[in-house]
Amino acid sequence: MTSTPSSPLRFQLLGLLLFLFIPLVLFLFVRHPEPVGLSLAAGVALMVGHRRLARPYMREAMLRKCVWCNRVLSEREGVVLAIRARNDIPGARCCAGHEAPAARFFTVLDTWRLPLRIGIFVPLLTLLVALAAAALGREILPLPAATSFFQLAIGLTVHLAAAGSLFVRAGAEPPTVTFPVHNFFLLGVRTLLWIFRLVGLWWIWAGGTFFFPL
């Protein structure tokens, strides 16, 4: 990122471009076009590269955009929502009216971090192992089953996180975010949740019908 802030439109477009890394990685892992080994290697490389590119963007976005609705704020607008993360970020700006839903969401990530981490990283690790084995010509577990398990588990986990704010209320202490926090500053939490809700429904159907055919 440059020291001179880009225009609001260019800044938003950059966030969208960085977000597009995520569906591309998911396509490579879930559809895994032949050769499988190349799809796996490309997906992992994109994951690593995305983190390196998105973190500098996050450092500017947390000062310029509402973390909930993604609107670029003027210097006098908004409030700062205190959150703790591995990046030692000072907080996230948001519109005054969006402080409460943003705080509830990050509190959900903190309060339910163990089941959410299990729901994301266990199926991801399962799929990566299955892809690596398939690339080597081995079958530790069937790749279609590992893929469907990944889709079903991720779909359910995303909906659990999205519904969590109905049951969890923000506390006095800043929530701790143990997930890759830079992803929440690309399109805003609200947009990100709707995208993953819709994709999650599709994946719940795809994964569920694999294991429980109609």
Protein backbone atom coordinates (compact mmCIF):
# COMPACT_ATOMS: atom_id res chain seq x y z
CA MET A 1 0.00 0.00 0.00
CA THR A 2 1.21 3.49 -0.72
CA SER A 3 1.44 6.24 1.87
CA THR A 4 -0.97 8.36 -0.22
CA PRO A 5 -4.53 7.06 0.18
CA SER A 6 -6.20 5.98 -3.07
CA SER A 7 -9.56 7.35 -4.13
CA PRO A 8 -12.62 5.75 -2.45
CA LEU A 9 -13.65 3.96 -5.66
CA ARG A 10 -10.19 2.57 -6.35
CA PHE A 11 -9.87 1.57 -2.70
CA GLN A 12 -13.18 -0.34 -2.84
CA LEU A 13 -12.23 -2.01 -6.12
CA LEU A 14 -8.93 -3.12 -4.59
CA GLY A 15 -10.85 -4.70 -1.72
CA LEU A 16 -13.09 -6.51 -4.21
CA LEU A 17 -10.06 -7.73 -6.17
CA LEU A 18 -8.45 -9.08 -3.01
CA PHE A 19 -11.71 -10.77 -2.03
CA LEU A 20 -11.82 -12.62 -5.37
CA PHE A 21 -8.80 -14.63 -4.22
CA ILE A 22 -11.12 -16.45 -1.81
CA PRO A 23 -13.63 -17.90 -4.34
CA LEU A 24 -10.74 -18.77 -6.65
CA VAL A 25 -9.03 -20.78 -3.89
CA LEU A 26 -12.32 -22.48 -3.02
CA PHE A 27 -12.86 -23.35 -6.70
CA LEU A 28 -9.42 -24.93 -6.92
CA PHE A 29 -9.97 -26.96 -3.75
CA VAL A 30 -13.61 -27.99 -4.33
CA ARG A 31 -13.63 -28.48 -8.11
CA HIS A 32 -9.90 -29.41 -8.21
CA PRO A 33 -9.55 -29.44 -12.02
CA GLU A 34 -6.95 -31.83 -13.39
CA PRO A 35 -4.14 -32.15 -12.65
CA VAL A 36 -5.17 -32.26 -8.99
CA GLY A 37 -1.64 -31.59 -7.78
CA LEU A 38 -1.47 -28.33 -9.74
CA SER A 39 -4.88 -27.23 -8.39
CA LEU A 40 -3.71 -27.96 -4.84
CA ALA A 41 -0.40 -26.14 -5.29
CA ALA A 42 -2.07 -23.13 -6.90
CA GLY A 43 -4.69 -22.95 -4.15
CA VAL A 44 -2.10 -23.05 -1.38
CA ALA A 45 0.06 -20.45 -3.16
CA LEU A 46 -2.95 -18.14 -3.52
CA MET A 47 -3.80 -18.56 0.17
CA VAL A 48 -0.28 -17.54 1.20
CA GLY A 49 -0.07 -14.73 -1.32
CA HIS A 50 -3.50 -13.40 -0.37
CA ARG A 51 -2.47 -13.02 3.26
CA ARG A 52 0.61 -11.03 2.30
CA LEU A 53 -1.42 -8.69 0.06
CA ALA A 54 -4.51 -8.33 2.23
CA ARG A 55 -2.75 -7.41 5.47
CA PRO A 56 -1.39 -4.07 4.17
CA TYR A 57 -4.84 -3.34 2.75
CA MET A 58 -6.38 -4.12 6.15
CA ARG A 59 -4.10 -1.64 7.92
CA GLU A 60 -5.43 1.16 5.72
CA ALA A 61 -9.02 -0.12 5.60
CA MET A 62 -9.36 -0.20 9.38
CA LEU A 63 -8.72 3.55 9.35
CA ARG A 64 -10.91 4.42 6.35
CA LYS A 65 -13.88 2.05 6.05
CA CYS A 66 -16.76 0.83 8.17
CA VAL A 67 -15.88 -2.77 9.00
CA TRP A 68 -19.60 -3.67 8.92
CA CYS A 69 -21.06 -1.99 5.79
CA ASN A 70 -17.75 -1.23 3.99
CA ARG A 71 -18.56 2.45 3.40
CA VAL A 72 -15.55 4.77 3.16
CA LEU A 73 -15.83 7.22 6.07
CA SER A 74 -14.73 10.80 6.35
CA GLU A 75 -12.28 11.75 9.08
CA ARG A 76 -15.09 12.95 11.37
CA GLU A 77 -17.47 10.04 10.83
CA GLY A 78 -17.89 6.83 12.73
CA VAL A 79 -16.56 5.29 15.91
CA VAL A 80 -13.72 2.91 16.70
CA LEU A 81 -14.62 -0.63 17.70
CA ALA A 82 -11.94 -2.16 19.90
CA ILE A 83 -10.93 -5.69 18.94
CA ARG A 84 -7.87 -7.77 19.70
CA ALA A 85 -6.08 -9.83 17.05
CA ARG A 86 -2.70 -11.36 16.36
CA ASN A 87 -1.82 -8.37 14.19
CA ASP A 88 -2.11 -6.04 17.21
CA ILE A 89 -4.58 -3.89 15.33
CA PRO A 90 -5.78 -0.80 17.22
CA GLY A 91 -9.43 -1.34 16.35
CA ALA A 92 -11.87 -1.13 13.49
CA ARG A 93 -13.77 1.96 12.39
CA CYS A 94 -17.47 1.64 11.73
CA CYS A 95 -20.54 3.80 11.28
CA ALA A 96 -22.06 4.79 14.61
CA GLY A 97 -25.17 2.76 13.83
CA HIS A 98 -23.14 -0.31 12.93
CA GLU A 99 -21.02 -0.55 16.07
CA ALA A 100 -23.50 -2.89 17.78
CA PRO A 101 -23.85 -5.54 15.02
CA ALA A 102 -20.10 -5.47 14.36
CA ALA A 103 -19.37 -5.91 18.08
CA ARG A 104 -21.82 -8.82 18.32
CA PHE A 105 -20.26 -10.55 15.32
CA PHE A 106 -16.71 -10.30 16.61
CA THR A 107 -17.92 -11.41 20.04
CA VAL A 108 -19.41 -14.51 18.40
CA LEU A 109 -16.04 -15.28 16.81
CA ASP A 110 -14.43 -14.97 20.22
CA THR A 111 -17.07 -16.79 22.30
CA TRP A 112 -17.59 -19.67 19.86
CA ARG A 113 -14.02 -19.78 18.55
CA LEU A 114 -13.47 -23.48 19.39
CA PRO A 115 -16.48 -24.95 17.52
CA LEU A 116 -15.97 -22.48 14.67
CA ARG A 117 -12.30 -23.37 14.34
CA ILE A 118 -13.13 -27.08 14.40
CA GLY A 119 -15.88 -26.53 11.82
CA ILE A 120 -13.47 -24.77 9.46
CA PHE A 121 -10.02 -26.24 9.94
CA VAL A 122 -10.90 -29.94 10.39
CA PRO A 123 -12.76 -30.22 7.05
CA LEU A 124 -10.13 -28.02 5.36
CA LEU A 125 -7.31 -30.25 6.61
CA THR A 126 -9.29 -33.34 5.58
CA LEU A 127 -9.75 -32.00 2.06
CA LEU A 128 -6.11 -30.92 1.71
CA VAL A 129 -4.90 -34.37 2.78
CA ALA A 130 -7.29 -36.02 0.34
CA LEU A 131 -6.13 -33.72 -2.49
CA ALA A 132 -2.46 -34.37 -1.72
CA ALA A 133 -3.06 -38.12 -1.66
CA ALA A 134 -4.96 -38.00 -4.95
CA ALA A 135 -2.14 -35.98 -6.53
CA LEU A 136 0.28 -38.74 -5.50
CA GLY A 137 -1.97 -41.45 -6.92
CA ARG A 138 -3.07 -42.71 -3.52
CA GLU A 139 -6.47 -42.73 -1.86
CA ILE A 140 -6.33 -42.24 1.89
CA LEU A 141 -10.02 -41.37 1.74
CA PRO A 142 -12.29 -40.89 -1.29
CA LEU A 143 -11.88 -37.41 -2.74
CA PRO A 144 -15.62 -36.94 -3.49
CA ALA A 145 -16.46 -37.77 0.13
CA ALA A 146 -13.77 -35.42 1.48
CA THR A 147 -15.01 -32.64 -0.80
CA SER A 148 -18.64 -33.12 0.21
CA PHE A 149 -17.66 -33.24 3.89
CA PHE A 150 -15.78 -29.95 3.43
CA GLN A 151 -18.78 -28.31 1.77
CA LEU A 152 -21.29 -29.55 4.34
CA ALA A 153 -19.15 -28.66 7.36
CA ILE A 154 -18.18 -25.21 6.06
CA GLY A 155 -21.77 -24.42 5.08
CA LEU A 156 -23.04 -25.32 8.55
CA THR A 157 -20.21 -23.45 10.29
CA VAL A 158 -20.79 -20.25 8.30
CA HIS A 159 -24.48 -20.30 9.18
CA LEU A 160 -23.62 -20.90 12.84
CA ALA A 161 -21.38 -17.82 12.83
CA ALA A 162 -23.99 -15.72 11.04
CA ALA A 163 -26.76 -16.72 13.46
CA GLY A 164 -24.58 -16.32 16.52
CA SER A 165 -25.39 -12.65 17.06
CA LEU A 166 -28.97 -13.70 17.92
CA PHE A 167 -27.67 -15.52 20.99
CA VAL A 168 -24.44 -13.73 21.96
CA ARG A 169 -24.19 -10.16 23.20
CA ALA A 170 -21.07 -8.01 23.22
CA GLY A 171 -19.34 -7.75 26.57
CA ALA A 172 -17.33 -5.02 28.23
CA GLU A 173 -13.96 -6.43 27.10
CA PRO A 174 -12.84 -6.18 23.45
CA PRO A 175 -13.35 -9.51 21.65
CA THR A 176 -10.31 -11.45 20.50
CA VAL A 177 -10.36 -12.47 16.83
CA THR A 178 -8.31 -15.63 16.21
CA PHE A 179 -9.44 -16.01 12.59
CA PRO A 180 -7.69 -14.26 9.65
CA VAL A 181 -8.98 -10.79 10.49
CA HIS A 182 -7.88 -9.19 7.21
CA ASN A 183 -10.70 -10.92 5.32
CA PHE A 184 -13.33 -8.91 7.19
CA PHE A 185 -11.99 -5.60 5.85
CA LEU A 186 -12.24 -6.47 2.15
CA LEU A 187 -16.00 -6.13 1.54
CA GLY A 188 -17.22 -5.53 5.07
CA VAL A 189 -18.63 -8.10 7.48
CA ARG A 190 -22.26 -7.64 6.40
CA THR A 191 -21.59 -8.34 2.71
CA LEU A 192 -19.21 -11.18 3.53
CA LEU A 193 -21.82 -12.86 5.71
CA TRP A 194 -24.48 -12.69 3.01
CA ILE A 195 -22.14 -14.14 0.40
CA PHE A 196 -21.22 -17.03 2.65
CA ARG A 197 -24.83 -17.56 3.73
CA LEU A 198 -25.87 -18.04 0.11
CA VAL A 199 -22.87 -20.18 -0.79
CA GLY A 200 -23.33 -22.03 2.50
CA LEU A 201 -26.89 -23.01 1.61
CA TRP A 202 -25.68 -24.37 -1.71
CA TRP A 203 -22.87 -26.30 -0.02
CA ILE A 204 -25.15 -27.71 2.69
CA TRP A 205 -27.40 -29.02 -0.09
CA ALA A 206 -24.48 -30.39 -2.15
CA GLY A 207 -22.73 -32.01 0.80
CA GLY A 208 -25.91 -33.23 2.45
CA THR A 209 -27.29 -34.92 -0.66
CA PHE A 210 -23.96 -36.69 -1.18
CA PHE A 211 -24.16 -38.37 2.22
CA PHE A 212 -27.97 -38.57 2.37
CA PRO A 213 -29.25 -39.03 -1.20
CA LEU A 214 -32.86 -38.08 -1.79
